[in-house]
């Protein structure tokens, strides 16, 4: 009898606690306040995710106690927004911590598969012009298609390529390159770069650079800080402004670029698994990258559902390695010409 008992215990560990059936937990059985406080999102948002991901999460199984899509989604949201696998949360849904971990993996991959559906630059002319108008309304900076920056997310030390993930503060991290619009909607998110890479190197190797150098983004530019080199499609601040026009340009640049910092703070506030307060992400770099990207997808979906990006309380500052930039101007004469023309046309 020893073997059947062992099999039964393993099944209970992976598929539930005691005699409970996993489908006994229903969204309609809990209050709106409980959903928001425990899982971070309101009922209609969760229903939307069930519709969006349900088919993917309802994979055929030979087990009669397969975990329902809504339970998988709630388990994943609970982890994303709290940063921990809480026994109390698992007990409430009738699943073990091991099952919660499996739910997070399933939901994360389902969201990553849909990343391009929710994170992308607009393509039609009217939407592109609206994007520029929104940015211009912030501080008078014309032609802006997005603001770009990097943020580090702490991860556990990987078994392989250990040193490549050690950032300037000696911590293991992923350096994530992101672009957002004036509302904080992410237009691009590359979450897989090793923490040892400086921002300028990440951008040099990123798909974002290829996108802007080969596709039709010739009528505007991104704004980046001094950790990036000036490019024809990337306007950076002047290192030492001297004229009134240069000061006005730098002030408008700073006020506009600040949107990406606010967006980073909001994402960390909503998804505490990324803010470091619960420790590092206890996954491989690849799985950690997917969790970060899944949270980025959820961030954009939440904005589509009217969950205000600026309404959340601010999280504590994330430990970030200080970049040591070499303050030098780009040797790209075309980029210098474009920035000088921008100075003369709009800030003189």
Foldseek 3Di string as FASTA:
>chain_A
DVVVVVVVVVCCQQQFPDPDALVVDDPVVDDQVCCCVQLNDGDVLLVVLCVQCQVQQCDDDPDPRRHHLSLLNSLLSNCQQPVDQDQVSCVSSGHHSNNSVVSNLSLLVSLLVCLVVQAAFDDDPVVQVVLQVLLCVQQNQGQARWAKDKDWFFAPQDPPPRVQQQAPVRTGTWIKIWIATSQLQTNDIQGQGRRHDQPQVCCVPDVVVVCCVPDPSQRGAYEYEQSHAQDQRYDYQAPDDDDQLSVSVNVSSVRSNCSNVLSVQLLCNRGVSGQCPNHHHHDHSVSVSSSVSSSSSVLSSCVVVVPRSNPGDGDDHGDGDDDDGDRDHDPPPSRVVNVVVSSVPRRD
